Protein backbone atom coordinates (compact mmCIF):
# COMPACT_ATOMS: atom_id res chain seq x y z
CA MET A 1 58.72 118.06 -71.03
CA PRO A 2 60.25 116.38 -67.89
CA MET A 3 58.49 114.02 -65.70
CA ASP A 4 57.73 115.08 -62.05
CA SER A 5 58.45 112.65 -59.32
CA THR A 6 55.09 112.79 -57.94
CA GLU A 7 53.65 111.46 -61.48
CA ILE A 8 56.20 108.45 -60.91
CA GLU A 9 54.64 107.80 -57.56
CA ARG A 10 51.35 107.96 -58.80
CA LEU A 11 51.64 105.60 -61.55
CA ILE A 12 53.42 103.01 -59.50
CA LYS A 13 50.84 103.32 -56.79
CA ALA A 14 47.96 102.92 -59.02
CA GLN A 15 49.86 99.41 -60.07
CA PHE A 16 51.19 98.50 -56.48
CA PRO A 17 49.04 100.22 -53.89
CA ASP A 18 50.98 98.59 -50.92
CA ALA A 19 54.17 99.90 -52.58
CA LYS A 20 56.55 101.96 -50.54
CA ILE A 21 58.31 104.53 -52.60
CA GLU A 22 61.41 106.70 -52.62
CA ILE A 23 62.16 109.08 -55.48
CA LYS A 24 65.24 111.21 -55.76
CA ASP A 25 65.88 113.48 -58.80
CA LEU A 26 69.32 112.81 -59.38
CA ALA A 27 70.21 115.56 -61.80
CA GLY A 28 67.53 118.34 -60.66
CA ASP A 29 66.54 118.30 -64.17
CA GLY A 30 63.38 115.92 -63.78
CA ASP A 31 64.80 113.43 -66.39
CA HIS A 32 67.16 111.40 -64.25
CA TYR A 33 65.57 109.76 -61.13
CA ALA A 34 66.53 106.74 -59.14
CA ALA A 35 63.46 104.80 -57.07
CA ARG A 36 63.50 102.45 -54.32
CA VAL A 37 60.36 100.62 -54.51
CA GLU A 38 58.93 97.93 -51.90
CA SER A 39 56.07 95.74 -52.46
CA GLN A 40 54.70 92.36 -51.65
CA ALA A 41 53.81 91.89 -55.50
CA PHE A 42 57.72 91.31 -55.89
CA LYS A 43 57.81 88.21 -53.73
CA GLY A 44 59.27 85.25 -55.59
CA LYS A 45 60.12 87.35 -58.76
CA SER A 46 63.48 87.78 -60.10
CA ARG A 47 65.13 91.49 -60.23
CA VAL A 48 64.59 91.59 -63.86
CA GLN A 49 60.70 90.75 -63.40
CA GLN A 50 60.55 93.21 -60.88
CA HIS A 51 61.99 95.93 -62.57
CA LYS A 52 59.73 94.92 -65.70
CA MET A 53 56.61 95.27 -63.55
CA ILE A 54 57.69 98.85 -62.55
CA TYR A 55 58.34 99.89 -66.13
CA ASP A 56 54.91 98.42 -67.25
CA ALA A 57 53.32 100.62 -64.46
CA LEU A 58 55.08 103.60 -66.04
CA GLY A 59 53.00 102.77 -69.21
CA GLY A 60 55.80 103.31 -71.90
CA ARG A 61 57.17 106.52 -70.55
CA MET A 62 60.79 105.01 -70.09
CA GLY A 63 63.03 106.52 -72.67
CA ASP A 64 60.20 108.94 -73.81
CA VAL A 65 59.31 111.67 -71.20
CA LEU A 66 61.10 109.82 -68.44
CA HIS A 67 64.94 109.57 -69.61
CA ALA A 68 66.38 107.56 -66.99
CA LEU A 69 65.24 105.58 -63.86
CA ALA A 70 67.82 103.92 -61.73
CA LEU A 71 65.51 101.06 -59.84
CA THR A 72 65.90 99.29 -56.58
CA THR A 73 63.09 96.92 -55.81
CA VAL A 74 62.47 94.73 -52.83
CA ALA A 75 59.94 92.49 -51.33
CA PRO A 76 59.39 93.17 -48.02
CA PRO A 77 60.74 91.01 -45.21
CA ASP A 78 58.31 88.23 -43.87
């Protein structure tokens, strides 16, 4: 069963309430998304750490109900 983009956003917002999130369904199939997430929580973290934080927020759904997620993570400017 594909994962809805609103569910992805809900899970990320639960972990990062300040996040600004943009999600695009890349293939129209509910399995391949691109997401841009901006959060203060990313300040001082490497890109790998930021992405791991998002994967953790998704609670193990990557590779299962969510097949592919191209991530762009950024900390807001000072």
